[in-house]
């Protein structure tokens, strides 16, 4: 791990950072292996980089970052950083980027990595195109190594001086003092050469920025801004109610920053995870609309019944509540569930208890895998909102890992495990249904659970499913536990003959994008 605290001090910063800013950046490098690796790798090329990256982070995070004012003749210690940060500050793309990153730990951390990576890319492009710049940067790296080496020599000489003084060795003291003078002269010469080299490099970078390189850098900043926004949207799609949803950012903040950053990097480097996040965002958006529509429809007038649902009470019952003479009688009947109210439009197939999902992961589901995982995360969002326990049984010709999400809550580690799981193989119905039965019978949290069965293929174990003994046994289990089972058939080729043997309702859809399939998101 790079010692950022040593390489990013007040004199190294070219903006108005304070001790809190610099310490916070050091902590971020400890939280993020990716950030630490980036700082470590680039600090070998230039000692300016850790402070540059720290200033980029502070520029994105702070409410009012400003460049330091230097007196006449005084120059910043990190002159190249000053030129780069000054140019970045003047870019309108950077102002746009800051709208999403200021006082936002996650966005500022990701943004600093993305922007630093883009500046490195930009600098490498300029070095390839400009021999003079390349030579100056090579000389700078070499000169900085000389400065570091000379510092170490001085420290050793100072140690000799101290030892000689402690031992009262006058001769050794004289030699050490003479060496210290030589070291200081050499240090002054190297530092002078370094300053002269930095001045030349500063002028060359300024020249590059005034030409086509300036527009190129602006494009890089825009790209970093878009990458940062995408990273946050993808993470919200996975962890909360989807990008832009109410409380989405609040849900993210409940997860440790270390996990947020790690998951964002996983999303960036894992195409399947990224696709799952995209699908999750789409399905969660649909689910929110379905849930809202369902609430509205539940208030529609479609017949009358007796009960105690305040939202569906008939106007005349509410009138009785408002009168002192009839209030007591109304409260008695309401407590007994005997007040008149509108009936809900339709009877729901699944109840409001836990959900056990049997998810087909046979070979034929491979092309729909990211869709199905996004669909699962949308259902998990609903379960979380409704505080319903949620279990997933992936199946093919076998059942392996079963995923349990208490009250629909999925941790970042569980998200990755779910995304990376895929069984392949043939389609067998009996094993996952047996597991679902055992979960509902044996797990207290799932005593009143219902089953959602999703498949795209006919069963290879059709003989088992069709046998009277199996049918009778499964029907008895459903009756004894008051379990309902909803099946979603995916694809035109699959036959509903077999699923009808154990399902209370069967929905047939071409894929998860089909509106018929999305009706399930109203559960």
Protein backbone atom coordinates (compact mmCIF):
# COMPACT_ATOMS: atom_id res chain seq x y z
CA UNK A 1 0.00 0.00 0.00
CA UNK A 2 1.28 3.46 -0.95
CA UNK A 3 2.02 5.84 1.91
CA UNK A 4 -0.36 8.52 0.65
CA UNK A 5 -0.06 10.52 3.86
CA UNK A 6 3.65 11.03 3.15
CA UNK A 7 3.14 11.93 -0.52
CA UNK A 8 0.08 14.16 -0.09
CA UNK A 9 0.82 16.90 2.42
CA UNK A 10 -0.35 20.50 2.53
CA UNK A 11 2.60 21.77 0.46
CA UNK A 12 1.89 19.09 -2.19
CA UNK A 13 -1.70 20.20 -2.74
CA UNK A 14 -2.44 22.94 -5.28
CA UNK A 15 -6.00 23.58 -4.05
CA UNK A 16 -7.53 24.63 -0.74
CA UNK A 17 -7.42 21.24 0.98
CA UNK A 18 -7.27 20.92 4.75
CA UNK A 19 -6.06 18.11 6.99
CA UNK A 20 -9.50 16.46 6.90
CA UNK A 21 -9.51 16.34 3.08
CA UNK A 22 -6.05 14.83 2.88
CA UNK A 23 -6.73 12.29 5.61
CA UNK A 24 -10.04 11.32 3.99
CA UNK A 25 -8.30 10.67 0.68
CA UNK A 26 -5.71 8.51 2.44
CA UNK A 27 -8.56 6.53 4.01
CA UNK A 28 -10.18 6.05 0.59
CA UNK A 29 -7.00 4.46 -0.76
CA UNK A 30 -7.21 2.02 2.15
CA UNK A 31 -10.88 1.28 1.42
CA UNK A 32 -10.37 0.70 -2.29
CA UNK A 33 -7.74 -1.77 -3.57
CA UNK A 34 -8.37 -0.41 -7.09
CA UNK A 35 -7.66 3.15 -5.99
CA UNK A 36 -4.57 2.05 -4.08
CA UNK A 37 -3.28 0.10 -7.10
CA UNK A 38 -3.76 3.11 -9.35
CA UNK A 39 -1.87 5.42 -6.98
CA UNK A 40 0.86 2.82 -6.45
CA UNK A 41 1.39 2.18 -10.17
CA UNK A 42 1.46 5.81 -11.22
CA UNK A 43 3.57 7.02 -8.29
CA UNK A 44 6.39 4.91 -9.74
CA UNK A 45 6.17 7.06 -12.87
CA UNK A 46 5.87 10.36 -11.03
CA UNK A 47 5.84 11.44 -7.39
CA UNK A 48 3.38 14.15 -8.42
CA UNK A 49 0.60 11.63 -9.01
CA UNK A 50 -0.61 10.85 -5.45
CA UNK A 51 -1.10 14.55 -4.72
CA UNK A 52 -2.66 15.09 -8.15
CA UNK A 53 -5.19 12.35 -7.54
CA UNK A 54 -5.85 13.61 -4.03
CA UNK A 55 -6.55 17.08 -5.42
CA UNK A 56 -8.85 15.59 -8.09
CA UNK A 57 -10.82 13.82 -5.37
CA UNK A 58 -11.01 16.96 -3.20
CA UNK A 59 -12.04 19.02 -6.24
CA UNK A 60 -14.95 16.67 -6.85
CA UNK A 61 -15.98 16.30 -3.22
CA UNK A 62 -15.57 19.77 -1.70
CA UNK A 63 -18.34 22.36 -1.94
CA UNK A 64 -16.02 25.16 -3.06
CA UNK A 65 -12.62 23.92 -4.26
CA UNK A 66 -10.28 26.71 -5.36
CA UNK A 67 -6.72 26.91 -6.64
CA UNK A 68 -4.17 28.22 -4.16
CA UNK A 69 -2.91 31.76 -4.62
CA UNK A 70 0.86 31.98 -4.87
CA UNK A 71 2.79 35.19 -4.23
CA UNK A 72 4.88 36.82 -6.97
CA UNK A 73 7.87 34.66 -7.80
CA UNK A 74 6.51 31.78 -5.71
CA UNK A 75 5.53 28.59 -7.49
CA UNK A 76 3.63 25.47 -6.38
CA UNK A 77 5.72 22.49 -5.37
CA UNK A 78 3.79 20.36 -7.87
CA UNK A 79 3.80 22.67 -10.90
CA UNK A 80 2.52 20.09 -13.39
CA UNK A 81 -0.37 19.30 -11.08
CA UNK A 82 -1.16 23.00 -10.91
CA UNK A 83 -1.36 23.26 -14.70
CA UNK A 84 -3.56 20.18 -15.01
CA UNK A 85 -5.92 21.09 -12.17
CA UNK A 86 -6.18 24.68 -13.43
CA UNK A 87 -7.18 23.41 -16.88
CA UNK A 88 -9.66 20.93 -15.41
CA UNK A 89 -11.26 23.67 -13.25
CA UNK A 90 -11.84 25.82 -16.33
CA UNK A 91 -13.67 23.08 -18.24
CA UNK A 92 -17.47 23.23 -18.31
CA UNK A 93 -17.61 19.42 -18.41
CA UNK A 94 -15.95 19.41 -14.99
CA UNK A 95 -18.62 21.75 -13.61
CA UNK A 96 -21.26 19.33 -14.88
CA UNK A 97 -19.43 16.42 -13.27
CA UNK A 98 -19.25 18.17 -9.90
CA UNK A 99 -23.03 18.47 -9.71
CA UNK A 100 -23.16 14.73 -9.09
CA UNK A 101 -20.04 14.35 -6.94
CA UNK A 102 -19.88 17.17 -4.39
CA UNK A 103 -20.39 15.88 -0.84
CA UNK A 104 -21.12 12.42 -2.29
CA UNK A 105 -18.54 9.92 -1.02
CA UNK A 106 -19.23 7.26 -3.63
CA UNK A 107 -19.46 9.52 -6.69
CA UNK A 108 -16.39 11.52 -5.68
CA UNK A 109 -14.35 8.35 -5.11
CA UNK A 110 -15.39 6.77 -8.42
CA UNK A 111 -15.11 10.12 -10.22
CA UNK A 112 -11.55 10.67 -8.97
CA UNK A 113 -10.53 7.24 -10.27
CA UNK A 114 -12.24 7.71 -13.63
CA UNK A 115 -10.93 11.24 -14.15
CA UNK A 116 -7.39 10.32 -13.05
CA UNK A 117 -7.42 7.35 -15.43
CA UNK A 118 -8.54 9.62 -18.26
CA UNK A 119 -5.82 12.17 -17.51
CA UNK A 120 -3.25 9.35 -17.53
CA UNK A 121 -4.66 8.20 -20.87
CA UNK A 122 -4.54 11.77 -22.18
CA UNK A 123 -0.98 12.26 -20.99
CA UNK A 124 0.13 8.98 -22.62
CA UNK A 125 -1.50 10.07 -25.89
CA UNK A 126 0.34 13.39 -25.77
CA UNK A 127 3.63 11.66 -24.99
CA UNK A 128 3.20 9.44 -28.04
CA UNK A 129 2.52 12.45 -30.25
CA UNK A 130 5.10 14.81 -28.74
CA UNK A 131 8.73 13.66 -28.49
CA UNK A 132 9.73 16.75 -26.52
CA UNK A 133 7.05 16.09 -23.89
CA UNK A 134 8.04 12.44 -23.68
CA UNK A 135 11.69 13.32 -23.13
CA UNK A 136 10.85 15.91 -20.46
CA UNK A 137 8.62 13.46 -18.57
CA UNK A 138 11.31 10.79 -18.64
CA UNK A 139 13.85 13.30 -17.33
CA UNK A 140 11.43 14.38 -14.61
CA UNK A 141 10.90 10.79 -13.45
CA UNK A 142 14.63 10.22 -13.32
CA UNK A 143 15.28 13.48 -11.49
CA UNK A 144 12.60 12.69 -8.89
CA UNK A 145 14.29 9.35 -8.25
CA UNK A 146 17.56 11.22 -7.71
CA UNK A 147 15.83 13.53 -5.22
CA UNK A 148 14.47 10.54 -3.30
CA UNK A 149 17.84 8.77 -3.35
CA UNK A 150 19.61 11.91 -2.14
CA UNK A 151 17.14 12.29 0.72
CA UNK A 152 17.96 8.78 1.87
CA UNK A 153 21.69 9.55 1.76
CA UNK A 154 21.16 12.68 3.83
CA UNK A 155 19.18 10.74 6.39
CA UNK A 156 22.02 8.22 6.73
CA UNK A 157 24.57 11.02 7.09
CA UNK A 158 22.44 12.69 9.76
CA UNK A 159 22.27 9.36 11.56
CA UNK A 160 26.11 9.16 11.46
CA UNK A 161 26.34 12.69 12.87
CA UNK A 162 24.03 11.80 15.72
CA UNK A 163 25.89 8.58 16.54
CA UNK A 164 29.25 10.39 16.50
CA UNK A 165 27.89 13.09 18.77
CA UNK A 166 26.45 10.51 21.18
CA UNK A 167 29.76 8.61 21.26
CA UNK A 168 31.84 11.76 21.65
CA UNK A 169 33.90 10.78 18.58
CA UNK A 170 35.26 14.12 17.32
CA UNK A 171 37.05 12.65 14.28
CA UNK A 172 33.97 10.81 13.11
CA UNK A 173 31.88 13.90 13.84
CA UNK A 174 34.13 15.96 11.55
CA UNK A 175 33.85 13.43 8.72
CA UNK A 176 30.08 13.24 9.07
CA UNK A 177 29.76 17.05 9.08
CA UNK A 178 31.85 17.29 5.91
CA UNK A 179 29.71 14.63 4.26
CA UNK A 180 26.58 16.48 5.34
CA UNK A 181 27.85 19.64 3.62
CA UNK A 182 28.59 17.73 0.41
CA UNK A 183 25.16 16.07 0.59
CA UNK A 184 23.45 19.43 1.01
CA UNK A 185 25.25 20.95 -1.96
CA UNK A 186 24.32 17.99 -4.11
CA UNK A 187 20.71 18.18 -2.88
CA UNK A 188 20.55 21.87 -3.74
CA UNK A 189 21.92 21.16 -7.22
CA UNK A 190 19.45 18.31 -7.87
CA UNK A 191 16.57 20.43 -6.55
CA UNK A 192 17.61 23.31 -8.78
CA UNK A 193 17.74 21.00 -11.79
CA UNK A 194 14.34 19.60 -10.84
CA UNK A 195 12.79 23.07 -10.59
CA UNK A 196 14.27 24.08 -13.96
CA UNK A 197 12.96 20.85 -15.50
CA UNK A 198 9.49 21.40 -14.01
CA UNK A 199 9.40 24.91 -15.47
CA UNK A 200 10.22 23.58 -18.94
CA UNK A 201 7.65 20.81 -18.60
CA UNK A 202 5.01 23.24 -17.36
CA UNK A 203 5.50 25.42 -20.44
CA UNK A 204 5.29 22.41 -22.75
CA UNK A 205 2.08 21.12 -21.15
CA UNK A 206 0.59 24.62 -21.34
CA UNK A 207 1.50 24.71 -25.03
CA UNK A 208 -0.14 21.30 -25.58
CA UNK A 209 -3.32 22.40 -23.83
CA UNK A 210 -3.64 25.47 -26.03
CA UNK A 211 -3.73 23.27 -29.11
CA UNK A 212 -5.68 20.15 -30.01
CA UNK A 213 -4.63 18.59 -26.72
CA UNK A 214 -6.96 20.97 -24.87
CA UNK A 215 -10.04 19.70 -26.70
CA UNK A 216 -8.85 16.15 -26.25
CA UNK A 217 -8.60 16.69 -22.49
CA UNK A 218 -12.10 18.17 -22.43
CA UNK A 219 -13.40 15.04 -24.17
CA UNK A 220 -11.64 12.91 -21.56
CA UNK A 221 -13.29 14.88 -18.74
CA UNK A 222 -16.70 14.40 -20.37
CA UNK A 223 -16.06 10.68 -20.70
CA UNK A 224 -15.06 10.46 -17.01
CA UNK A 225 -18.22 12.34 -16.04
CA UNK A 226 -20.43 9.94 -18.00
CA UNK A 227 -18.62 6.89 -16.59
CA UNK A 228 -19.14 8.19 -13.05
CA UNK A 229 -22.85 8.80 -13.60
CA UNK A 230 -23.25 5.36 -15.20
CA UNK A 231 -21.49 3.71 -12.25
CA UNK A 232 -23.89 5.29 -9.77
CA UNK A 233 -26.98 4.47 -11.84
CA UNK A 234 -25.91 0.85 -12.25
CA UNK A 235 -25.27 0.51 -8.53
CA UNK A 236 -28.64 2.04 -7.68
CA UNK A 237 -30.28 -0.37 -10.11
CA UNK A 238 -28.74 -3.27 -8.24
CA UNK A 239 -28.98 -2.09 -4.65
CA UNK A 240 -32.14 -0.03 -4.46
CA UNK A 241 -35.32 0.75 -6.32
CA UNK A 242 -33.60 1.64 -9.56
CA UNK A 243 -31.95 4.80 -10.82
CA UNK A 244 -33.90 7.91 -10.00
CA UNK A 245 -36.26 6.13 -7.62
CA UNK A 246 -37.29 7.74 -4.38
CA UNK A 247 -34.86 6.82 -1.65
CA UNK A 248 -32.42 5.24 -4.10
CA UNK A 249 -29.43 7.21 -2.82
CA UNK A 250 -30.54 6.62 0.76
CA UNK A 251 -30.54 2.86 0.20
CA UNK A 252 -27.02 3.03 -1.21
CA UNK A 253 -25.76 4.90 1.84
CA UNK A 254 -26.82 2.01 4.08
CA UNK A 255 -24.08 -0.07 2.44
CA UNK A 256 -20.44 0.50 3.50
CA UNK A 257 -18.49 2.66 1.06
CA UNK A 258 -15.88 -0.09 0.67
CA UNK A 259 -18.61 -2.45 -0.64
CA UNK A 260 -20.09 0.22 -2.89
CA UNK A 261 -16.73 0.88 -4.56
CA UNK A 262 -15.90 -2.82 -4.88
CA UNK A 263 -19.27 -3.58 -6.45
CA UNK A 264 -18.92 -0.64 -8.84
CA UNK A 265 -15.58 -2.04 -10.04
CA UNK A 266 -17.14 -5.49 -10.43
CA UNK A 267 -19.89 -3.96 -12.56
CA UNK A 268 -17.33 -2.16 -14.68
CA UNK A 269 -15.31 -5.29 -15.38
CA UNK A 270 -18.11 -7.86 -15.57
CA UNK A 271 -20.32 -7.57 -18.66
CA UNK A 272 -22.96 -9.93 -17.27
CA UNK A 273 -23.24 -7.97 -14.03
CA UNK A 274 -23.64 -4.78 -16.04
CA UNK A 275 -26.42 -6.31 -18.14
CA UNK A 276 -28.15 -7.59 -14.99
CA UNK A 277 -27.99 -4.07 -13.52
CA UNK A 278 -29.55 -2.63 -16.69
CA UNK A 279 -32.38 -5.18 -16.66
CA UNK A 280 -32.89 -4.71 -12.92
CA UNK A 281 -33.31 -0.96 -13.44
CA UNK A 282 -35.91 -1.50 -16.18
CA UNK A 283 -37.87 -4.13 -14.28
CA UNK A 284 -37.77 -2.18 -11.01
CA UNK A 285 -39.19 0.86 -12.80
CA UNK A 286 -42.02 -1.32 -14.16
CA UNK A 287 -42.54 -2.90 -10.74
CA UNK A 288 -42.99 0.51 -9.09
CA UNK A 289 -45.65 1.41 -11.65
CA UNK A 290 -47.36 -1.95 -11.22
CA UNK A 291 -47.40 -1.59 -7.46
CA UNK A 292 -48.81 1.94 -7.70
CA UNK A 293 -51.43 0.84 -10.22
CA UNK A 294 -52.33 -2.12 -8.02
CA UNK A 295 -52.91 0.17 -5.06
CA UNK A 296 -55.20 2.37 -7.17
CA UNK A 297 -57.10 -0.60 -8.58
CA UNK A 298 -57.62 -2.03 -5.11
CA UNK A 299 -59.81 0.99 -4.39
CA UNK A 300 -62.02 0.46 -7.46
CA UNK A 301 -65.66 -0.35 -6.78
CA UNK A 302 -66.37 -3.90 -7.89
CA UNK A 303 -69.02 -5.33 -5.60
CA UNK A 304 -69.37 -5.27 -1.83
CA UNK A 305 -68.22 -7.49 0.98
CA UNK A 306 -67.68 -7.39 4.74
CA UNK A 307 -64.31 -6.64 6.32
CA UNK A 308 -62.12 -4.09 8.11
CA UNK A 309 -60.10 -2.43 5.32
CA UNK A 310 -60.36 1.32 6.02
CA UNK A 311 -59.42 2.28 2.44
CA UNK A 312 -62.39 0.35 0.98
CA UNK A 313 -65.12 1.27 3.49
CA UNK A 314 -68.42 2.38 1.93
CA UNK A 315 -69.29 6.09 2.33
CA UNK A 316 -72.33 5.25 4.44
CA UNK A 317 -70.14 3.35 6.90
CA UNK A 318 -67.82 6.36 7.19
CA UNK A 319 -70.88 8.52 7.80
CA UNK A 320 -71.85 6.27 10.73
CA UNK A 321 -68.38 6.74 12.20
CA UNK A 322 -68.77 10.50 12.14
CA UNK A 323 -71.97 10.48 14.23
CA UNK A 324 -71.81 10.08 18.02
CA UNK A 325 -75.07 8.08 18.07
CA UNK A 326 -73.76 5.39 15.66
CA UNK A 327 -70.02 5.58 16.33
CA UNK A 328 -69.96 2.83 19.01
CA UNK A 329 -71.90 0.38 16.83
CA UNK A 330 -69.59 1.11 13.88
CA UNK A 331 -66.44 0.49 15.96
CA UNK A 332 -67.85 -2.82 17.24
CA UNK A 333 -68.66 -4.06 13.73
CA UNK A 334 -65.31 -2.80 12.40
CA UNK A 335 -63.42 -4.68 15.14
CA UNK A 336 -65.35 -7.84 14.21
CA UNK A 337 -64.67 -7.35 10.47
CA UNK A 338 -68.36 -6.84 9.77
CA UNK A 339 -68.35 -3.38 8.21
CA UNK A 340 -69.38 -3.02 4.57
CA UNK A 341 -66.64 -2.27 2.05
CA UNK A 342 -65.92 -2.51 -1.66
CA UNK A 343 -64.52 -5.84 -2.85
CA UNK A 344 -61.09 -5.85 -4.49
CA UNK A 345 -61.27 -6.44 -8.24
CA UNK A 346 -59.42 -9.73 -8.36
CA UNK A 347 -58.25 -12.40 -5.98
CA UNK A 348 -54.48 -12.48 -5.80
CA UNK A 349 -52.83 -15.78 -6.65
CA UNK A 350 -50.00 -15.24 -4.18
CA UNK A 351 -50.51 -14.06 -0.65
CA UNK A 352 -48.50 -11.48 1.26
CA UNK A 353 -46.18 -13.95 2.94
CA UNK A 354 -42.66 -15.04 1.93
CA UNK A 355 -41.90 -16.03 -1.65
CA UNK A 356 -39.99 -19.13 -2.72
CA UNK A 357 -38.90 -18.82 -6.35
CA UNK A 358 -37.88 -21.83 -8.43
CA UNK A 359 -35.76 -20.35 -11.24
CA UNK A 360 -34.90 -22.44 -14.30
CA UNK A 361 -31.17 -22.35 -15.09
CA UNK A 362 -31.09 -25.10 -17.67
CA UNK A 363 -28.96 -24.64 -20.79
CA UNK A 364 -31.86 -23.22 -22.80
CA UNK A 365 -32.17 -20.32 -20.30
CA UNK A 366 -28.62 -19.11 -20.95
CA UNK A 367 -29.65 -16.33 -23.33
CA UNK A 368 -32.26 -15.13 -20.86
CA UNK A 369 -30.03 -15.37 -17.80
CA UNK A 370 -29.32 -11.64 -17.37
CA UNK A 371 -33.00 -10.85 -17.98
CA UNK A 372 -34.07 -13.39 -15.38
CA UNK A 373 -31.60 -12.05 -12.79
CA UNK A 374 -32.86 -8.50 -13.36
CA UNK A 375 -36.42 -9.81 -12.93
CA UNK A 376 -35.38 -11.52 -9.70
CA UNK A 377 -33.89 -8.28 -8.34
CA UNK A 378 -37.12 -6.42 -9.14
CA UNK A 379 -39.06 -9.03 -7.18
CA UNK A 380 -36.53 -8.75 -4.35
CA UNK A 381 -37.12 -4.99 -4.29
CA UNK A 382 -40.86 -5.63 -3.84
CA UNK A 383 -40.17 -8.23 -1.15
CA UNK A 384 -37.91 -5.77 0.65
CA UNK A 385 -40.49 -3.00 0.47
CA UNK A 386 -43.17 -5.35 1.77
CA UNK A 387 -40.78 -6.97 4.29
CA UNK A 388 -41.29 -10.45 2.81
CA UNK A 389 -38.66 -13.16 3.06
CA UNK A 390 -37.46 -14.29 -0.34
CA UNK A 391 -35.73 -17.52 -1.35
CA UNK A 392 -34.43 -18.51 -4.79
CA UNK A 393 -33.93 -22.12 -5.87
CA UNK A 394 -31.95 -22.20 -9.15
CA UNK A 395 -32.50 -25.54 -10.89
CA UNK A 396 -31.72 -27.54 -14.01
CA UNK A 397 -31.25 -31.31 -13.73
CA UNK A 398 -30.20 -30.63 -10.14
CA UNK A 399 -30.40 -28.12 -7.32
CA UNK A 400 -27.21 -26.80 -5.75
CA UNK A 401 -27.00 -23.45 -3.91
CA UNK A 402 -30.24 -21.99 -2.56
CA UNK A 403 -30.25 -18.23 -1.94
CA UNK A 404 -32.06 -16.84 1.10
CA UNK A 405 -32.79 -13.11 1.38
CA UNK A 406 -34.29 -12.12 4.71
CA UNK A 407 -37.04 -9.56 4.06
CA UNK A 408 -35.77 -9.21 0.50
CA UNK A 409 -32.43 -7.69 1.54
CA UNK A 410 -29.50 -8.68 -0.70
CA UNK A 411 -25.92 -7.84 0.26
CA UNK A 412 -23.28 -6.91 -2.36
CA UNK A 413 -21.58 -10.28 -1.87
CA UNK A 414 -24.88 -12.09 -2.41
CA UNK A 415 -25.50 -10.02 -5.54
CA UNK A 416 -22.24 -11.19 -7.07
CA UNK A 417 -22.93 -14.80 -6.06
CA UNK A 418 -26.38 -14.66 -7.67
CA UNK A 419 -25.07 -12.99 -10.83
CA UNK A 420 -22.30 -15.55 -11.30
CA UNK A 421 -24.51 -18.59 -10.67
CA UNK A 422 -25.68 -20.65 -13.64
CA UNK A 423 -26.16 -24.41 -13.63
CA UNK A 424 -26.81 -25.40 -17.27
CA UNK A 425 -27.98 -28.95 -18.04
CA UNK A 426 -31.49 -30.31 -18.58
CA UNK A 427 -34.84 -29.32 -17.05
CA UNK A 428 -36.22 -31.34 -14.12
CA UNK A 429 -39.25 -30.06 -12.19
CA UNK A 430 -39.39 -32.41 -9.22
CA UNK A 431 -36.07 -31.46 -7.48
CA UNK A 432 -36.78 -27.70 -7.09
CA UNK A 433 -40.39 -28.33 -6.08
CA UNK A 434 -39.19 -30.81 -3.46
CA UNK A 435 -36.74 -28.19 -2.12
CA UNK A 436 -39.51 -25.56 -2.04
CA UNK A 437 -41.70 -27.98 -0.11
CA UNK A 438 -38.93 -28.64 2.43
CA UNK A 439 -38.25 -24.93 2.88
CA UNK A 440 -41.90 -24.14 3.59
CA UNK A 441 -42.31 -27.14 5.92
CA UNK A 442 -39.04 -26.83 7.85
CA UNK A 443 -38.06 -23.15 7.94
CA UNK A 444 -40.02 -21.03 10.39
CA UNK A 445 -39.51 -17.86 8.34
CA UNK A 446 -41.17 -19.53 5.34
CA UNK A 447 -44.18 -21.12 7.04
CA UNK A 448 -46.70 -19.10 5.04
CA UNK A 449 -44.70 -18.79 1.85
CA UNK A 450 -46.02 -19.17 -1.69
CA UNK A 451 -44.14 -20.51 -4.70
CA UNK A 452 -43.25 -18.77 -7.95
CA UNK A 453 -42.08 -21.31 -10.54
CA UNK A 454 -40.28 -20.01 -13.67
CA UNK A 455 -39.24 -22.26 -16.56
CA UNK A 456 -38.77 -22.24 -20.33
CA UNK A 457 -38.76 -25.98 -20.96
CA UNK A 458 -40.74 -29.20 -20.65
CA UNK A 459 -39.52 -31.53 -17.89
CA UNK A 460 -37.22 -34.47 -18.52
CA UNK A 461 -38.79 -36.03 -15.41
CA UNK A 462 -42.32 -35.83 -16.82
CA UNK A 463 -42.94 -39.39 -15.61
CA UNK A 464 -42.38 -38.30 -12.02
CA UNK A 465 -44.51 -35.17 -12.36
CA UNK A 466 -47.34 -37.15 -13.99
CA UNK A 467 -47.40 -39.99 -11.47
CA UNK A 468 -50.52 -40.06 -9.26
CA UNK A 469 -48.42 -40.56 -6.13
CA UNK A 470 -46.35 -37.42 -6.78
CA UNK A 471 -49.40 -35.35 -7.72
CA UNK A 472 -51.34 -36.44 -4.66
CA UNK A 473 -48.38 -35.82 -2.36
CA UNK A 474 -47.73 -32.32 -3.71
CA UNK A 475 -51.41 -31.38 -3.63
CA UNK A 476 -51.60 -32.53 -0.01
CA UNK A 477 -48.57 -30.39 0.85
CA UNK A 478 -50.18 -27.33 -0.75
CA UNK A 479 -53.47 -27.96 1.03
CA UNK A 480 -51.89 -28.58 4.44
CA UNK A 481 -49.73 -25.45 4.23
CA UNK A 482 -52.24 -23.30 2.32
CA UNK A 483 -49.56 -22.72 -0.32
CA UNK A 484 -50.38 -21.16 -3.68
CA UNK A 485 -48.15 -21.73 -6.71
CA UNK A 486 -47.87 -19.37 -9.69
CA UNK A 487 -45.99 -20.57 -12.78
CA UNK A 488 -44.43 -18.32 -15.42
CA UNK A 489 -43.76 -20.18 -18.66
CA UNK A 490 -41.19 -18.49 -20.89
CA UNK A 491 -41.17 -19.15 -24.65
CA UNK A 492 -43.63 -20.37 -27.26
CA UNK A 493 -42.42 -23.95 -27.38
CA UNK A 494 -42.94 -24.94 -23.76
CA UNK A 495 -46.12 -26.92 -22.98
CA UNK A 496 -48.25 -25.92 -20.00
CA UNK A 497 -49.66 -29.45 -19.65
CA UNK A 498 -47.17 -30.48 -16.96
CA UNK A 499 -47.10 -27.25 -14.93
CA UNK A 500 -50.90 -27.24 -14.75
CA UNK A 501 -50.63 -30.39 -12.65
CA UNK A 502 -49.19 -28.46 -9.71
CA UNK A 503 -49.96 -24.77 -10.42
CA UNK A 504 -52.82 -22.60 -9.21
CA UNK A 505 -52.22 -20.18 -12.06
CA UNK A 506 -50.10 -20.32 -15.21
CA UNK A 507 -48.85 -17.24 -17.06
CA UNK A 508 -47.38 -17.75 -20.53
CA UNK A 509 -45.02 -15.13 -21.99
CA UNK A 510 -42.44 -14.94 -24.79
CA UNK A 511 -39.79 -13.53 -22.43
CA UNK A 512 -39.42 -11.38 -19.32
CA UNK A 513 -39.98 -8.21 -21.37
CA UNK A 514 -43.47 -9.44 -22.25
CA UNK A 515 -46.13 -7.39 -20.46
CA UNK A 516 -47.87 -10.62 -19.46
CA UNK A 517 -44.75 -11.69 -17.54
CA UNK A 518 -44.43 -8.25 -15.99
CA UNK A 519 -47.88 -8.57 -14.44
CA UNK A 520 -46.17 -10.76 -11.84
CA UNK A 521 -44.38 -7.64 -10.60
CA UNK A 522 -47.71 -6.50 -9.13
CA UNK A 523 -47.61 -9.23 -6.44
